[in-house]
Protein backbone atom coordinates (compact mmCIF):
# COMPACT_ATOMS: atom_id res chain seq x y z
CA MET A 1 -68.69 -94.00 -57.94
CA LEU A 2 -66.34 -92.51 -55.37
CA ASP A 3 -67.58 -89.50 -53.43
CA SER A 4 -65.71 -86.87 -51.46
CA GLY A 5 -65.47 -87.88 -47.80
CA GLN A 6 -65.87 -91.59 -48.51
CA VAL A 7 -63.67 -93.80 -46.29
CA TYR A 8 -62.32 -97.32 -46.78
CA SER A 9 -60.33 -99.29 -44.21
CA GLU A 10 -58.67 -102.68 -44.14
CA VAL A 11 -56.73 -104.54 -41.44
CA PHE A 12 -53.53 -106.22 -42.60
CA SER A 13 -50.10 -107.44 -41.50
CA PHE A 14 -46.87 -108.64 -43.10
CA THR A 15 -44.98 -111.82 -42.27
CA GLN A 16 -41.20 -111.93 -42.01
CA GLU A 17 -41.29 -114.23 -45.05
CA GLN A 18 -42.97 -111.43 -47.04
CA VAL A 19 -40.25 -109.03 -45.87
CA ILE A 20 -37.60 -111.49 -47.08
CA ARG A 21 -39.37 -111.88 -50.45
CA PHE A 22 -39.60 -108.09 -50.81
CA ALA A 23 -35.85 -107.83 -50.14
CA GLU A 24 -35.25 -110.32 -52.95
CA VAL A 25 -37.48 -108.45 -55.41
CA SER A 26 -36.26 -104.95 -54.49
CA GLY A 27 -32.60 -105.80 -53.90
CA ASP A 28 -32.74 -103.98 -50.53
CA HIS A 29 -30.98 -106.42 -48.22
CA ASN A 30 -30.32 -103.87 -45.45
CA PRO A 31 -29.81 -106.02 -42.33
CA VAL A 32 -32.16 -103.77 -40.32
CA HIS A 33 -34.95 -105.60 -42.21
CA LEU A 34 -33.54 -109.12 -42.24
CA ASP A 35 -31.09 -109.78 -39.40
CA ALA A 36 -32.58 -109.98 -35.89
CA ASP A 37 -29.14 -109.78 -34.24
CA TYR A 38 -28.19 -106.68 -36.22
CA ALA A 39 -31.60 -105.05 -35.66
CA SER A 40 -31.41 -105.75 -31.91
CA LYS A 41 -28.51 -103.29 -31.72
CA THR A 42 -30.51 -100.49 -33.41
CA ALA A 43 -33.14 -98.15 -32.00
CA PHE A 44 -35.79 -100.50 -33.47
CA LYS A 45 -34.68 -103.54 -31.37
CA LYS A 46 -35.99 -105.99 -34.00
CA PRO A 47 -36.22 -106.17 -37.81
CA ILE A 48 -38.47 -103.57 -39.42
CA VAL A 49 -40.61 -103.86 -42.54
CA HIS A 50 -39.29 -101.95 -45.57
CA GLY A 51 -41.16 -98.64 -45.75
CA ILE A 52 -42.10 -99.16 -49.39
CA LEU A 53 -43.45 -102.63 -48.61
CA GLY A 54 -45.64 -100.92 -46.00
CA THR A 55 -47.04 -98.58 -48.64
CA SER A 56 -47.85 -101.48 -50.98
CA ILE A 57 -51.16 -101.92 -49.13
CA PHE A 58 -52.31 -98.70 -50.82
CA SER A 59 -51.68 -100.18 -54.29
CA LYS A 60 -53.59 -103.32 -53.35
CA ILE A 61 -56.57 -101.38 -51.99
CA LEU A 62 -56.70 -98.81 -54.79
CA GLY A 63 -56.31 -101.40 -57.55
CA MET A 64 -58.60 -104.07 -56.14
CA ASN A 65 -61.17 -102.51 -53.79
CA PHE A 66 -61.34 -98.71 -53.57
CA PRO A 67 -62.13 -97.69 -56.22
CA GLY A 68 -60.98 -101.03 -57.67
CA GLU A 69 -60.07 -102.62 -60.99
CA GLY A 70 -58.99 -100.24 -63.72
CA THR A 71 -57.52 -97.72 -61.28
CA ILE A 72 -54.31 -96.05 -62.43
CA TYR A 73 -51.96 -94.69 -59.77
CA LEU A 74 -50.82 -91.20 -60.81
CA LYS A 75 -48.99 -90.00 -57.70
CA GLN A 76 -48.24 -90.95 -54.10
CA GLU A 77 -46.81 -88.70 -51.41
CA VAL A 78 -45.73 -90.55 -48.30
CA ASN A 79 -44.36 -89.83 -44.83
CA PHE A 80 -42.90 -92.61 -42.71
CA LYS A 81 -43.75 -91.68 -39.10
CA ARG A 82 -42.95 -94.86 -37.19
CA PRO A 83 -41.46 -98.28 -38.01
CA MET A 84 -43.56 -101.25 -39.04
CA TYR A 85 -42.88 -104.74 -37.74
CA ALA A 86 -43.73 -108.16 -39.14
CA SER A 87 -46.61 -110.02 -37.48
CA THR A 88 -48.19 -106.80 -36.17
CA SER A 89 -51.74 -105.76 -37.06
CA TYR A 90 -52.16 -102.49 -38.92
CA GLU A 91 -55.14 -100.69 -40.40
CA ALA A 92 -54.99 -98.91 -43.74
CA VAL A 93 -57.45 -96.00 -43.87
CA LEU A 94 -58.13 -94.23 -47.17
CA THR A 95 -60.30 -91.10 -47.32
CA VAL A 96 -61.41 -89.37 -50.52
CA LEU A 97 -60.38 -85.70 -50.29
CA GLU A 98 -61.13 -84.41 -53.80
CA ILE A 99 -62.95 -85.63 -56.89
CA ASN A 100 -62.48 -84.31 -60.43
CA ARG A 101 -65.22 -85.99 -62.47
CA ASP A 102 -64.10 -84.34 -65.74
CA LYS A 103 -60.68 -86.00 -65.48
CA HIS A 104 -61.97 -89.11 -63.65
CA GLN A 105 -59.42 -88.43 -60.90
CA ALA A 106 -59.43 -88.45 -57.11
CA VAL A 107 -57.06 -87.30 -54.39
CA ILE A 108 -57.15 -89.76 -51.51
CA GLU A 109 -55.59 -89.45 -48.05
CA THR A 110 -53.64 -92.64 -47.30
CA LYS A 111 -52.79 -93.74 -43.76
CA VAL A 112 -51.48 -96.80 -41.98
CA LEU A 113 -52.33 -96.97 -38.28
CA ASP A 114 -51.08 -99.36 -35.61
CA LYS A 115 -54.23 -101.38 -34.91
CA GLU A 116 -53.46 -101.68 -31.18
CA THR A 117 -52.33 -98.12 -30.38
CA GLY A 118 -54.02 -96.13 -33.15
CA LYS A 119 -50.74 -94.30 -33.80
CA VAL A 120 -50.04 -93.13 -37.35
CA ILE A 121 -47.29 -95.22 -38.94
CA ILE A 122 -47.50 -93.91 -42.52
CA ASP A 123 -49.45 -91.02 -43.97
CA GLY A 124 -49.71 -89.29 -47.31
CA GLN A 125 -51.89 -88.67 -50.33
CA ALA A 126 -52.54 -90.58 -53.52
CA GLN A 127 -53.85 -89.29 -56.82
CA VAL A 128 -55.62 -91.89 -58.94
CA MET A 129 -57.65 -92.13 -62.13
CA ASN A 130 -60.44 -94.53 -63.01
CA LYS A 131 -62.66 -93.73 -66.01
CA GLU A 132 -65.47 -96.01 -64.84
CA LYS A 133 -65.48 -95.45 -61.07
CA ILE A 134 -64.58 -91.77 -60.61
């Protein structure tokens, strides 16, 4: 059972191949994600990971590990603070803020940090439901 204050973290990264596959699935072929020459002329200097691909780590963690199988995503608020880059290590940190046992729901703070610098890349809050684990 999840408890208020409980924390889960996981280190992860994306490859440029995953970025390309996400572009295919989403239809977002913005060259800032895919074209190194184009991206070199932007403030980012190299291709950036799609923001929504960056948030997909939350779905993976919530659905598979914390709280795990059977979890239903009800809501996600997200703020994109800094760009993400392929082949860079990040840490997803999820912290339980509120538990409603009657509704089997939790509000969870969701963050992605740059593993090297500790800077916040993405932050927000998720609301999830799991009848067996909350």
